[in-house]
Protein backbone atom coordinates (compact mmCIF):
# COMPACT_ATOMS: atom_id res chain seq x y z
CA MET A 1 -1.07 36.59 -14.20
CA PRO A 2 2.50 37.67 -13.69
CA VAL A 3 5.08 34.94 -14.61
CA ASP A 4 6.25 34.57 -10.67
CA GLU A 5 2.78 33.78 -9.58
CA PHE A 6 2.22 31.29 -12.15
CA VAL A 7 5.54 29.54 -11.12
CA GLU A 8 4.41 29.68 -7.48
CA THR A 9 0.62 28.30 -8.59
CA ILE A 10 2.40 25.37 -10.57
CA SER A 11 5.24 24.72 -7.75
CA GLY A 12 2.63 24.38 -4.91
CA LYS A 13 0.48 22.17 -7.01
CA ARG A 14 3.70 19.77 -7.91
CA ASP A 15 4.12 19.91 -3.81
CA ASP A 16 0.41 18.75 -3.33
CA ARG A 17 0.75 15.51 -5.68
CA VAL A 18 4.62 15.06 -4.28
CA GLN A 19 2.79 14.95 -0.61
CA LEU A 20 -0.43 12.92 -2.13
CA VAL A 21 2.39 10.32 -3.74
CA GLU A 22 3.92 9.85 -0.44
CA GLU A 23 1.19 9.06 1.57
CA THR A 24 -0.06 6.78 -1.40
CA THR A 25 3.25 4.93 -1.22
CA ALA A 26 3.10 4.86 2.82
CA ALA A 27 -0.34 3.43 2.64
CA ALA A 28 0.31 0.97 0.14
CA GLN A 29 3.30 -0.07 2.03
CA SER A 30 0.99 -0.26 5.40
CA LEU A 31 -1.78 -2.49 3.53
CA THR A 32 1.68 -4.67 1.99
CA GLN A 33 2.77 -5.45 5.56
CA GLU A 34 -0.92 -6.18 6.90
CA THR A 35 -1.46 -8.81 4.17
CA GLU A 36 1.45 -10.40 4.88
CA SER A 37 0.74 -10.62 8.24
CA LEU A 38 -2.90 -12.20 7.19
CA ALA A 39 -1.26 -14.55 4.86
CA GLU A 40 0.84 -15.57 7.62
CA LEU A 41 -1.77 -16.02 10.33
CA LEU A 42 -3.89 -18.06 6.84
CA ARG A 43 -0.98 -20.23 6.58
CA ARG A 44 -0.96 -21.60 10.07
CA PHE A 45 -4.91 -21.77 10.14
CA ARG A 46 -6.16 -25.35 10.58
CA THR A 47 -9.46 -26.85 9.65
CA GLY A 48 -11.70 -29.13 11.49
CA SER A 49 -9.93 -31.93 9.20
CA GLY A 50 -6.53 -31.09 10.68
CA ARG A 51 -5.11 -30.39 7.18
CA ALA A 52 -2.89 -27.22 7.13
CA SER A 53 -4.30 -24.79 4.63
CA GLU A 54 -0.94 -23.81 3.48
CA HIS A 55 -1.86 -25.76 -0.06
CA ARG A 56 -3.62 -22.60 -0.84
CA HIS A 57 -1.10 -19.69 -2.23
CA TYR A 58 -1.94 -16.08 -1.87
CA ALA A 59 -0.80 -13.43 -4.46
CA MET A 60 0.74 -10.41 -2.58
CA ALA A 61 1.27 -7.05 -3.98
CA SER A 62 4.61 -5.54 -4.60
């Protein structure tokens, strides 16, 4: 395989990996936002006893 083809192949693979990392990062950020929204709803949730469930703490991914 000539050097220029090898460089093109490596560059293409690098670009594919960069795109995958960007997509994964975007998905993780979206999931974090959804988790924070759900945690907020859970903080507002009240049980039948009338006590708020805000005593529970949920860990957030960062």
